[in-house]
Amino acid sequence: MLRASSIPALAVLKIRDFRILWVARSIHEVSRRMELLVLGYLILHLTDSAFQVGLIAVFLNAPRPVLSLFAGVAADRLDRQRVLVGVHACFFAIATALLVLLITHSIQPWQVFIAVFLQGAAKVLDDPSRRTAMFDLAGRERIASAMSLETISNNGGKILGPLAGGFLIAGASFTGAYALLVALDLVSLLLMVRLRLPRQERTSRLETSVWQSLREGIEHSMTNRMVLGVLCISLVLNALVLPIQYFIPVIATDLLKVGPTLGGLLGSAEGFGTLLGALIIAVRRNIHHHGRLFVVGALIVSLAVMLVGWSPWFALSFTLLLLGGIAQAGFSTMQSTILLLASLPEIRGRIVGASGTVNGLGHLIGGWETGVIASAFNIGLAVSLNAGAALLLVLPVIFLTPLVWRPLATIPVDAADGEKAPLPRPSPVTGRGYSSGSESEQK
């Protein structure tokens, strides 16, 4: 019989502050995913333009390519709890402003785009601070389980958010949907106020200039082949595959000919699949080849999205997005896990920031480019063409990096006192751990 204490993810949830962080994140993810669907339908209603729906992705991700690197520095140098409180206060204020515009019937597309841009800037600060805080709370040995829990919360949001958004648009209009969004953002903010994080080690962070800190993060990202492989594949998928989430209202309306309720159900399909995949990862105790899960997930989700572009049937499209979501669990969970495990403690925030830069640049390009192709031809061609190109571009990265072929180094533990041994420093060439000590010292 499987005992709760033997499930790594449940052990992580016993930590009070990790639990608070996870619950706040889960609630916010429902809000965020719901908002993406609601705004997509709102812009489609106001403009009847697939291109302008794609601009949601453009404005949301426009701040990320540049600001993510600075956000990584902030996560390494500033009080992470204060950063997270400030970020969630911004989310709440922006949602409240949009609700007021909807109530007064004065909402315009340009106002939506400005709000989305400001949300994107706040999210830039959120990602590295939140994920490094998760590492601080969970520890090295349990970080894969912690990341699987984040994937579960992400995809709980992907399920509940679009479903709630679709039902509320159909039954209570855009104003009713945004009233719920404001309430959810307020709850997330209040939880973040209660959060307490371990004291951050300052070491030499504050003695190093911001520009020097940025350079160190970029150099590590470019010279560590494990990290570089993750960033390259992430760029491809975020540019060519994952922007499909912004176009669900267009796919539902133009390709499948269904309304907002079924459109919301379609938007939740990926979340159902990824939640299932994340649950499978969460109960696994020993994952040695993180890179294999990451790469295989990237390939399968690309294939599934390519087939969605060819599908004229709702049931088939839902099934494909469901299967793609299962594969995406491996991709998204292992993305952060590999970056955190392959990086030294003092630069983890900057590496997560580099990931934010790559992801944001990908969505920025993909949202615009997919919208252009969809407007010129149709959304089915845009989605399938991009996903097919992603399949071809991922293959060279597999052979040129050690992601698939080498496991990440593990951290030794002193059996006598249970203390962690000194952290093996990742090799800048292979991404594998090494230490300056003798072999006997590493055992």
Protein backbone atom coordinates (compact mmCIF):
# COMPACT_ATOMS: atom_id res chain seq x y z
CA MET A 1 0.00 0.00 0.00
CA LEU A 2 1.33 3.42 -1.01
CA ARG A 3 1.73 5.64 2.05
CA ALA A 4 1.32 9.41 1.79
CA SER A 5 4.71 9.94 3.41
CA SER A 6 6.35 7.96 0.61
CA ILE A 7 5.07 10.35 -2.08
CA PRO A 8 7.70 13.09 -2.52
CA ALA A 9 5.21 15.74 -3.62
CA LEU A 10 3.11 15.28 -0.47
CA ALA A 11 6.23 15.54 1.68
CA VAL A 12 6.97 18.94 0.12
CA LEU A 13 3.42 20.11 0.88
CA LYS A 14 4.02 19.50 4.60
CA ILE A 15 6.19 22.64 4.56
CA ARG A 16 3.87 25.48 5.66
CA ASP A 17 5.30 28.27 3.55
CA PHE A 18 5.69 26.09 0.48
CA ARG A 19 2.02 25.21 0.89
CA ILE A 20 1.05 28.88 1.06
CA LEU A 21 3.17 29.70 -2.00
CA TRP A 22 1.69 26.76 -3.91
CA VAL A 23 -1.93 27.57 -3.05
CA ALA A 24 -1.46 31.25 -3.97
CA ARG A 25 0.12 30.21 -7.24
CA SER A 26 -2.71 27.74 -7.95
CA ILE A 27 -5.40 30.39 -7.43
CA HIS A 28 -3.52 32.92 -9.53
CA GLU A 29 -3.08 30.39 -12.34
CA VAL A 30 -6.85 29.85 -12.50
CA SER A 31 -7.22 33.63 -12.78
CA ARG A 32 -4.51 33.97 -15.43
CA ARG A 33 -5.78 31.15 -17.65
CA MET A 34 -9.34 32.37 -17.35
CA GLU A 35 -8.22 35.87 -18.28
CA LEU A 36 -6.42 34.70 -21.43
CA LEU A 37 -9.61 33.10 -22.73
CA VAL A 38 -11.82 36.03 -21.67
CA LEU A 39 -9.53 38.61 -23.28
CA GLY A 40 -9.25 36.52 -26.44
CA TYR A 41 -13.02 36.45 -26.84
CA LEU A 42 -13.27 40.12 -25.85
CA ILE A 43 -10.80 41.23 -28.52
CA LEU A 44 -12.44 38.94 -31.09
CA HIS A 45 -15.80 40.49 -30.15
CA LEU A 46 -14.47 44.05 -30.40
CA THR A 47 -12.39 43.67 -33.59
CA ASP A 48 -13.31 40.37 -35.34
CA SER A 49 -9.57 40.02 -36.08
CA ALA A 50 -7.37 36.95 -35.49
CA PHE A 51 -4.33 39.21 -35.83
CA GLN A 52 -5.47 41.43 -32.95
CA VAL A 53 -6.16 38.34 -30.83
CA GLY A 54 -2.51 37.44 -31.49
CA LEU A 55 -1.49 40.87 -30.23
CA ILE A 56 -2.47 39.71 -26.72
CA ALA A 57 0.54 37.38 -26.87
CA VAL A 58 2.71 40.16 -28.26
CA PHE A 59 1.90 42.73 -25.56
CA LEU A 60 1.90 40.16 -22.75
CA ASN A 61 5.40 38.98 -23.64
CA ALA A 62 6.92 42.24 -24.92
CA PRO A 63 8.54 43.09 -21.53
CA ARG A 64 10.09 39.64 -21.04
CA PRO A 65 13.07 39.52 -23.44
CA VAL A 66 14.79 42.48 -21.79
CA LEU A 67 13.33 42.63 -18.28
CA SER A 68 13.65 38.91 -17.47
CA LEU A 69 17.42 39.16 -17.05
CA PHE A 70 17.03 42.05 -14.60
CA ALA A 71 14.25 40.13 -12.83
CA GLY A 72 16.68 37.26 -12.34
CA VAL A 73 19.17 39.65 -10.75
CA ALA A 74 16.37 40.99 -8.51
CA ALA A 75 15.50 37.44 -7.42
CA ASP A 76 19.15 36.90 -6.39
CA ARG A 77 19.60 40.26 -4.64
CA LEU A 78 16.23 41.44 -3.23
CA ASP A 79 13.77 40.11 -0.66
CA ARG A 80 11.75 37.62 -2.68
CA GLN A 81 8.67 37.76 -0.49
CA ARG A 82 8.38 41.53 -0.95
CA VAL A 83 8.82 41.13 -4.70
CA LEU A 84 6.02 38.54 -4.81
CA VAL A 85 3.66 40.73 -2.74
CA GLY A 86 4.34 43.69 -5.04
CA VAL A 87 3.74 41.60 -8.16
CA HIS A 88 0.39 40.26 -6.94
CA ALA A 89 -0.68 43.75 -5.88
CA CYS A 90 -0.08 44.81 -9.50
CA PHE A 91 -2.14 41.89 -10.85
CA PHE A 92 -5.03 42.84 -8.56
CA ALA A 93 -4.88 46.54 -9.51
CA ILE A 94 -4.79 45.83 -13.26
CA ALA A 95 -7.73 43.40 -13.10
CA THR A 96 -9.71 45.93 -11.07
CA ALA A 97 -9.06 48.66 -13.65
CA LEU A 98 -10.31 46.43 -16.48
CA LEU A 99 -13.42 45.53 -14.47
CA VAL A 100 -14.21 49.24 -14.01
CA LEU A 101 -13.84 49.81 -17.77
CA LEU A 102 -16.21 46.91 -18.48
CA ILE A 103 -18.78 48.14 -15.95
CA THR A 104 -18.74 51.64 -17.49
CA HIS A 105 -18.92 50.19 -21.04
CA SER A 106 -15.82 52.17 -22.05
CA ILE A 107 -13.48 49.27 -22.82
CA GLN A 108 -11.38 49.63 -25.98
CA PRO A 109 -8.80 47.25 -27.54
CA TRP A 110 -5.91 49.64 -26.86
CA GLN A 111 -6.79 49.69 -23.16
CA VAL A 112 -6.72 45.90 -23.08
CA PHE A 113 -3.29 45.84 -24.74
CA ILE A 114 -1.85 48.33 -22.25
CA ALA A 115 -3.23 46.28 -19.34
CA VAL A 116 -1.80 43.08 -20.81
CA PHE A 117 1.59 44.76 -21.25
CA LEU A 118 1.64 45.82 -17.59
CA GLN A 119 0.64 42.31 -16.53
CA GLY A 120 3.49 40.92 -18.61
CA ALA A 121 5.95 43.24 -16.86
CA ALA A 122 4.70 42.10 -13.45
CA LYS A 123 4.92 38.45 -14.46
CA VAL A 124 8.55 38.96 -15.46
CA LEU A 125 9.35 39.71 -11.81
CA ASP A 126 7.16 36.89 -10.55
CA ASP A 127 8.74 33.86 -12.26
CA PRO A 128 12.37 33.94 -11.05
CA SER A 129 11.46 35.11 -7.54
CA ARG A 130 8.78 32.44 -7.15
CA ARG A 131 10.85 29.56 -8.51
CA THR A 132 13.97 30.39 -6.53
CA ALA A 133 11.73 30.71 -3.44
CA MET A 134 10.41 27.23 -4.21
CA PHE A 135 13.98 25.94 -4.32
CA ASP A 136 14.74 27.63 -0.99
CA LEU A 137 11.73 25.96 0.63
CA ALA A 138 11.89 22.51 -0.98
CA GLY A 139 15.65 21.95 -1.24
CA ARG A 140 17.73 20.31 -3.94
CA GLU A 141 16.57 16.72 -3.43
CA ARG A 142 12.87 17.64 -3.64
CA ILE A 143 12.98 20.32 -6.33
CA ALA A 144 11.71 17.97 -9.07
CA SER A 145 8.70 17.16 -6.87
CA ALA A 146 8.21 20.87 -6.15
CA MET A 147 8.31 21.67 -9.87
CA SER A 148 5.81 18.87 -10.57
CA LEU A 149 3.50 20.49 -8.01
CA GLU A 150 3.87 23.80 -9.82
CA THR A 151 2.99 22.03 -13.06
CA ILE A 152 -0.08 20.57 -11.33
CA SER A 153 -1.14 24.06 -10.21
CA ASN A 154 -0.47 25.47 -13.67
CA ASN A 155 -2.66 22.88 -15.27
CA GLY A 156 -5.34 23.00 -12.64
CA GLY A 157 -5.53 26.60 -13.80
CA LYS A 158 -5.57 25.53 -17.43
CA ILE A 159 -8.57 23.32 -16.68
CA LEU A 160 -10.63 25.50 -14.35
CA GLY A 161 -9.74 28.89 -15.86
CA PRO A 162 -10.97 28.33 -19.45
CA LEU A 163 -14.01 26.35 -18.23
CA ALA A 164 -15.03 29.15 -15.86
CA GLY A 165 -14.28 31.80 -18.47
CA GLY A 166 -16.35 30.08 -21.17
CA PHE A 167 -19.35 29.57 -18.88
CA LEU A 168 -19.20 33.12 -17.49
CA ILE A 169 -18.91 34.75 -20.92
CA ALA A 170 -21.95 32.77 -22.09
CA GLY A 171 -23.98 33.32 -18.91
CA ALA A 172 -22.77 36.48 -17.17
CA SER A 173 -20.95 38.45 -19.89
CA PHE A 174 -17.38 39.76 -19.76
CA THR A 175 -18.18 41.87 -16.69
CA GLY A 176 -19.19 38.85 -14.62
CA ALA A 177 -16.04 37.01 -15.68
CA TYR A 178 -13.84 39.91 -14.60
CA ALA A 179 -15.58 40.23 -11.25
CA LEU A 180 -14.45 36.68 -10.47
CA LEU A 181 -10.94 37.47 -11.73
CA VAL A 182 -10.62 40.40 -9.31
CA ALA A 183 -11.76 38.22 -6.39
CA LEU A 184 -9.22 35.50 -7.23
CA ASP A 185 -6.38 38.01 -7.54
CA LEU A 186 -7.28 39.49 -4.14
CA VAL A 187 -7.10 36.06 -2.46
CA SER A 188 -3.68 35.39 -4.06
CA LEU A 189 -2.39 38.74 -2.81
CA LEU A 190 -3.54 38.08 0.76
CA LEU A 191 -1.82 34.69 0.76
CA MET A 192 1.45 36.20 -0.45
CA VAL A 193 1.32 38.67 2.45
CA ARG A 194 1.31 35.68 4.84
CA LEU A 195 4.30 33.99 3.16
CA ARG A 196 7.62 33.75 5.03
CA LEU A 197 10.77 32.66 3.21
CA PRO A 198 14.16 31.48 4.54
CA ARG A 199 16.80 34.15 4.97
CA GLN A 200 18.66 34.63 1.68
CA GLU A 201 22.39 34.14 1.64
CA ARG A 202 23.93 37.41 0.56
CA THR A 203 27.54 36.24 0.05
CA SER A 204 29.02 38.46 -2.64
CA ARG A 205 25.80 39.33 -4.47
CA LEU A 206 25.55 42.90 -3.35
CA GLU A 207 29.26 43.55 -3.88
CA THR A 208 28.82 42.65 -7.54
CA SER A 209 27.40 45.28 -9.87
CA VAL A 210 24.08 44.65 -11.62
CA TRP A 211 25.82 44.57 -15.00
CA GLN A 212 28.42 42.11 -13.75
CA SER A 213 25.60 39.96 -12.38
CA LEU A 214 23.85 40.06 -15.73
CA ARG A 215 27.04 39.07 -17.54
CA GLU A 216 27.62 36.14 -15.21
CA GLY A 217 24.11 34.83 -15.85
CA ILE A 218 24.44 35.16 -19.62
CA GLU A 219 27.87 33.52 -19.67
CA HIS A 220 26.63 30.58 -17.61
CA SER A 221 23.61 30.18 -19.93
CA MET A 222 25.82 30.14 -23.02
CA THR A 223 28.67 27.93 -21.75
CA ASN A 224 26.73 25.27 -19.83
CA ARG A 225 25.54 22.98 -22.61
CA MET A 226 22.80 21.44 -20.47
CA VAL A 227 21.33 24.89 -19.78
CA LEU A 228 21.87 26.01 -23.38
CA GLY A 229 20.03 22.96 -24.70
CA VAL A 230 17.02 23.69 -22.48
CA LEU A 231 16.96 27.34 -23.56
CA CYS A 232 17.20 26.49 -27.28
CA ILE A 233 14.33 23.98 -27.21
CA SER A 234 12.29 26.33 -25.03
CA LEU A 235 12.73 29.10 -27.58
CA VAL A 236 11.52 26.85 -30.40
CA LEU A 237 8.42 25.62 -28.57
CA ASN A 238 7.47 29.00 -27.17
CA ALA A 239 7.73 30.57 -30.62
CA LEU A 240 6.14 27.88 -32.76
CA VAL A 241 3.96 25.59 -30.63
CA LEU A 242 2.76 27.03 -27.33
CA PRO A 243 1.19 30.27 -28.72
CA ILE A 244 -1.79 28.08 -29.67
CA GLN A 245 -3.18 28.89 -26.20
CA TYR A 246 -3.84 32.49 -27.27
CA PHE A 247 -5.74 31.39 -30.38
CA ILE A 248 -8.20 28.94 -28.80
CA PRO A 249 -11.09 31.42 -29.31
CA VAL A 250 -10.15 31.72 -33.00
CA ILE A 251 -9.77 27.94 -33.43
CA ALA A 252 -13.11 27.34 -31.70
CA THR A 253 -14.94 30.04 -33.69
CA ASP A 254 -13.40 29.81 -37.17
CA LEU A 255 -12.09 26.24 -37.44
CA LEU A 256 -14.45 24.17 -35.26
CA LYS A 257 -17.54 26.44 -35.42
CA VAL A 258 -18.41 26.19 -31.71
CA GLY A 259 -19.34 28.82 -29.11
CA PRO A 260 -17.62 30.10 -25.95
CA THR A 261 -18.76 27.21 -23.72
CA LEU A 262 -17.17 24.55 -25.93
CA GLY A 263 -14.33 26.96 -26.62
CA GLY A 264 -13.64 27.06 -22.88
CA LEU A 265 -13.77 23.25 -22.75
CA LEU A 266 -11.28 23.09 -25.65
CA GLY A 267 -9.01 25.52 -23.81
CA SER A 268 -9.05 23.21 -20.78
CA ALA A 269 -8.00 20.08 -22.72
CA GLU A 270 -4.29 20.80 -22.50
CA GLY A 271 -4.67 21.42 -18.78
CA PHE A 272 -6.40 18.06 -18.20
CA GLY A 273 -3.54 16.29 -20.00
CA THR A 274 -0.72 18.18 -18.33
CA LEU A 275 -2.29 17.68 -14.91
CA LEU A 276 -2.36 13.92 -15.52
CA GLY A 277 1.25 13.96 -16.68
CA ALA A 278 2.35 16.07 -13.72
CA LEU A 279 0.65 13.69 -11.28
CA ILE A 280 2.60 10.80 -12.79
CA ILE A 281 5.86 12.73 -12.37
CA ALA A 282 4.95 13.81 -8.83
CA VAL A 283 4.71 10.22 -7.52
CA ARG A 284 8.00 9.11 -9.07
CA ARG A 285 10.76 9.00 -6.48
CA ASN A 286 13.90 8.85 -8.64
CA ILE A 287 14.18 10.68 -11.94
CA HIS A 288 17.67 10.35 -13.37
CA HIS A 289 17.30 11.43 -17.00
CA HIS A 290 15.48 14.74 -16.66
CA GLY A 291 16.57 15.75 -20.16
CA ARG A 292 14.86 12.78 -21.79
CA LEU A 293 11.51 13.67 -20.28
CA PHE A 294 12.04 17.26 -21.39
CA VAL A 295 12.93 16.41 -25.01
CA VAL A 296 10.34 13.67 -25.55
CA GLY A 297 7.66 15.97 -24.13
CA ALA A 298 8.70 18.74 -26.54
CA LEU A 299 8.49 16.43 -29.57
CA ILE A 300 5.11 14.93 -28.69
CA VAL A 301 3.43 18.24 -27.89
CA SER A 302 4.71 19.66 -31.21
CA LEU A 303 3.23 16.71 -33.12
CA ALA A 304 -0.10 16.99 -31.32
CA VAL A 305 -0.43 20.72 -32.04
CA MET A 306 0.48 20.16 -35.70
CA LEU A 307 -2.39 17.67 -36.00
CA VAL A 308 -4.80 20.08 -34.27
CA GLY A 309 -4.27 22.47 -37.18
CA TRP A 310 -5.59 19.79 -39.55
CA SER A 311 -8.55 18.71 -37.42
CA PRO A 312 -12.08 19.88 -38.36
CA TRP A 313 -13.73 18.01 -35.45
CA PHE A 314 -14.07 19.22 -31.87
CA ALA A 315 -13.67 15.76 -30.31
CA LEU A 316 -10.45 15.05 -32.22
CA SER A 317 -8.98 18.47 -31.43
CA PHE A 318 -9.82 18.03 -27.74
CA THR A 319 -8.18 14.59 -27.68
CA LEU A 320 -5.03 15.84 -29.42
CA LEU A 321 -4.68 18.77 -27.00
CA LEU A 322 -5.24 16.35 -24.12
CA LEU A 323 -2.43 14.05 -25.33
CA GLY A 324 -0.22 17.05 -26.02
CA GLY A 325 -0.85 18.24 -22.48
CA ILE A 326 0.36 14.93 -21.02
CA ALA A 327 3.60 15.34 -22.98
CA GLN A 328 3.88 19.00 -22.01
CA ALA A 329 4.05 17.96 -18.36
CA GLY A 330 7.46 16.44 -19.01
CA PHE A 331 8.58 19.49 -20.96
CA SER A 332 7.41 22.18 -18.52
CA THR A 333 8.31 20.37 -15.28
CA MET A 334 11.79 19.42 -16.42
CA GLN A 335 12.50 22.82 -17.95
CA SER A 336 12.74 24.56 -14.58
CA THR A 337 14.12 21.48 -12.82
CA ILE A 338 17.10 21.14 -15.17
CA LEU A 339 17.88 24.86 -15.06
CA LEU A 340 17.87 24.91 -11.25
CA LEU A 341 19.85 21.69 -10.82
CA ALA A 342 22.46 22.59 -13.44
CA SER A 343 23.18 26.03 -11.95
CA LEU A 344 25.10 27.24 -8.92
CA PRO A 345 23.01 28.59 -6.00
CA GLU A 346 24.16 32.19 -6.35
CA ILE A 347 22.99 32.50 -9.98
CA ARG A 348 19.81 30.40 -10.03
CA GLY A 349 17.59 33.49 -10.18
CA ARG A 350 19.48 34.78 -13.20
CA ILE A 351 19.20 31.44 -14.99
CA VAL A 352 15.44 31.39 -14.41
CA GLY A 353 15.48 34.97 -15.67
CA ALA A 354 17.29 33.82 -18.83
CA SER A 355 14.55 31.23 -19.27
CA GLY A 356 11.97 34.00 -18.96
CA THR A 357 13.81 35.99 -21.64
CA VAL A 358 13.76 33.02 -24.01
CA ASN A 359 10.13 32.13 -23.30
CA GLY A 360 9.01 35.73 -23.67
CA LEU A 361 10.90 36.22 -26.92
CA GLY A 362 9.34 33.03 -28.27
CA HIS A 363 5.79 34.06 -27.41
CA LEU A 364 6.45 37.57 -28.72
CA ILE A 365 7.53 36.22 -32.10
CA GLY A 366 4.99 33.40 -32.19
CA GLY A 367 1.97 35.48 -31.24
CA TRP A 368 2.67 38.02 -33.96
CA GLU A 369 3.73 35.52 -36.63
CA THR A 370 0.83 33.13 -36.02
CA GLY A 371 -1.62 36.03 -36.18
CA VAL A 372 -0.18 37.20 -39.49
CA ILE A 373 -0.45 33.75 -41.11
CA ALA A 374 -3.94 33.21 -39.67
CA SER A 375 -5.13 36.55 -41.05
CA ALA A 376 -3.60 35.92 -44.47
CA PHE A 377 -4.73 32.29 -44.78
CA ASN A 378 -6.40 30.51 -41.84
CA ILE A 379 -5.67 29.52 -38.24
CA GLY A 380 -5.35 25.83 -39.11
CA LEU A 381 -2.50 26.43 -41.53
CA ALA A 382 -0.75 28.80 -39.12
CA VAL A 383 -0.82 26.29 -36.24
CA SER A 384 0.19 23.21 -38.26
CA LEU A 385 2.95 24.97 -40.20
CA ASN A 386 4.59 26.33 -37.06
CA ALA A 387 4.40 23.06 -35.13
CA GLY A 388 5.88 21.13 -38.05
CA ALA A 389 8.79 23.56 -38.19
CA ALA A 390 9.31 23.09 -34.44
CA LEU A 391 9.70 19.31 -34.90
CA LEU A 392 12.49 19.89 -37.40
CA LEU A 393 14.29 22.51 -35.30
CA VAL A 394 14.34 20.47 -32.08
CA LEU A 395 16.21 17.55 -33.64
CA PRO A 396 19.64 19.26 -34.04
CA VAL A 397 19.55 20.41 -30.40
CA ILE A 398 19.08 16.80 -29.28
CA PHE A 399 22.31 15.73 -30.96
CA LEU A 400 24.39 18.81 -30.13
CA THR A 401 23.67 18.97 -26.36
CA PRO A 402 23.93 16.40 -23.54
CA LEU A 403 20.25 16.68 -22.58
CA VAL A 404 19.28 13.20 -23.73
CA TRP A 405 22.57 11.40 -23.29
CA ARG A 406 23.72 12.41 -19.78
CA PRO A 407 21.90 12.57 -16.46
CA LEU A 408 22.29 15.52 -14.14
CA ALA A 409 24.72 15.09 -11.24
CA THR A 410 23.23 14.13 -7.88
CA ILE A 411 24.16 15.71 -4.55
CA PRO A 412 25.87 13.39 -2.06
CA VAL A 413 24.60 13.21 1.51
CA ASP A 414 26.67 12.50 4.61
CA ALA A 415 25.04 9.39 6.10
CA ALA A 416 26.41 10.16 9.57
CA ASP A 417 24.61 13.39 10.22
CA GLY A 418 22.22 13.79 7.28
CA GLU A 419 23.90 17.04 6.22
CA LYS A 420 24.26 17.89 2.58
CA ALA A 421 27.73 17.55 1.20
CA PRO A 422 29.23 20.49 -0.72
CA LEU A 423 27.31 21.09 -3.91
CA PRO A 424 29.01 19.70 -7.05
CA ARG A 425 29.66 22.60 -9.37
CA PRO A 426 28.14 22.11 -12.84
CA SER A 427 30.67 21.87 -15.62
CA PRO A 428 30.33 24.79 -18.01
CA VAL A 429 30.92 22.40 -20.91
CA THR A 430 28.79 19.36 -20.18
CA GLY A 431 26.46 20.53 -17.46
CA ARG A 432 27.51 17.56 -15.30
CA GLY A 433 28.62 18.03 -11.72
CA TYR A 434 32.24 18.23 -10.76
CA SER A 435 34.15 19.20 -7.68
CA SER A 436 37.64 20.43 -7.02
CA GLY A 437 38.08 17.80 -4.31
CA SER A 438 39.44 14.28 -4.71
CA GLU A 439 37.27 11.35 -5.72
CA SER A 440 37.18 10.09 -2.15
CA GLU A 441 35.90 13.45 -0.98
CA GLN A 442 33.02 13.33 -3.42
CA LYS A 443 31.74 9.94 -2.27
